[in-house]
Amino acid sequence: MPGLREQFRTILQNLEKNCDIHSEQWVRTGDTSHLSAYEHYKKEIIEIKEKIIASEKKEKQKRKTKK
């Protein structure tokens, strides 16, 4: 069974692409809706990465206690 990192790989890649698109569009147009979308995608990326890190730390602790 793959870990969270593998399960979220494609989702993170898509979120990062969307983040890049909206960042570029905000710079080009100055439209604040693109900045808002950029911030939203960035927040989602951070939340997922934090979840992955927490899960990996928890798994590492489990392995240590089994030894």
Protein backbone atom coordinates (compact mmCIF):
# COMPACT_ATOMS: atom_id res chain seq x y z
CA MET A 1 0.00 0.00 0.00
CA PRO A 2 1.52 3.32 -1.06
CA GLY A 3 2.14 6.03 1.51
CA LEU A 4 0.49 9.43 1.53
CA ARG A 5 3.38 10.96 -0.39
CA GLU A 6 2.71 8.67 -3.35
CA GLN A 7 -1.07 9.01 -3.07
CA PHE A 8 -0.90 12.81 -3.22
CA ARG A 9 1.87 13.11 -5.85
CA THR A 10 -0.42 13.83 -8.80
CA ILE A 11 -2.70 16.08 -6.78
CA LEU A 12 0.28 18.15 -5.61
CA GLN A 13 1.61 18.40 -9.15
CA ASN A 14 -1.76 19.70 -10.37
CA LEU A 15 -2.07 22.16 -7.50
CA GLU A 16 1.44 23.46 -8.21
CA LYS A 17 0.61 23.92 -11.92
CA ASN A 18 -2.57 25.81 -11.01
CA CYS A 19 -0.62 27.92 -8.53
CA ASP A 20 1.94 28.79 -11.22
CA ILE A 21 -0.78 29.67 -13.75
CA HIS A 22 -2.57 32.02 -11.37
CA SER A 23 0.68 33.59 -10.19
CA GLU A 24 1.63 34.33 -13.78
CA GLN A 25 -1.84 35.67 -14.63
CA TRP A 26 -1.86 37.92 -11.57
CA VAL A 27 1.48 39.43 -12.60
CA ARG A 28 0.31 39.88 -16.19
CA THR A 29 -3.17 41.26 -15.50
CA GLY A 30 -3.07 42.60 -11.97
CA ASP A 31 -6.46 40.94 -11.43
CA THR A 32 -6.78 40.19 -7.72
CA SER A 33 -8.96 37.13 -8.40
CA HIS A 34 -5.79 35.44 -9.67
CA LEU A 35 -3.96 36.40 -6.48
CA SER A 36 -6.83 34.95 -4.45
CA ALA A 37 -6.73 31.71 -6.45
CA TYR A 38 -2.94 31.56 -6.07
CA GLU A 39 -3.24 31.93 -2.29
CA HIS A 40 -5.92 29.24 -2.18
CA TYR A 41 -3.82 26.71 -4.11
CA LYS A 42 -0.75 27.56 -2.04
CA LYS A 43 -2.70 26.95 1.17
CA GLU A 44 -3.90 23.57 -0.13
CA ILE A 45 -0.34 22.56 -1.05
CA ILE A 46 0.95 23.51 2.40
CA GLU A 47 -1.85 21.62 4.17
CA ILE A 48 -1.25 18.45 2.16
CA LYS A 49 2.51 18.60 2.66
CA GLU A 50 2.05 19.08 6.41
CA LYS A 51 -0.29 16.09 6.48
CA ILE A 52 2.29 13.97 4.64
CA ILE A 53 5.10 15.02 6.99
CA ALA A 54 2.98 14.30 10.08
CA SER A 55 2.02 10.89 8.70
CA GLU A 56 5.64 10.00 7.93
CA LYS A 57 6.77 11.09 11.41
CA LYS A 58 4.03 8.98 12.97
CA GLU A 59 5.02 5.98 10.85
CA LYS A 60 8.68 6.45 11.79
CA GLN A 61 7.73 6.49 15.48
CA LYS A 62 5.75 3.27 15.04
CA ARG A 63 8.77 1.57 13.47
CA LYS A 64 11.01 2.71 16.33
CA THR A 65 8.67 1.29 18.98
CA LYS A 66 8.49 -2.09 17.21
CA LYS A 67 12.27 -2.58 17.45
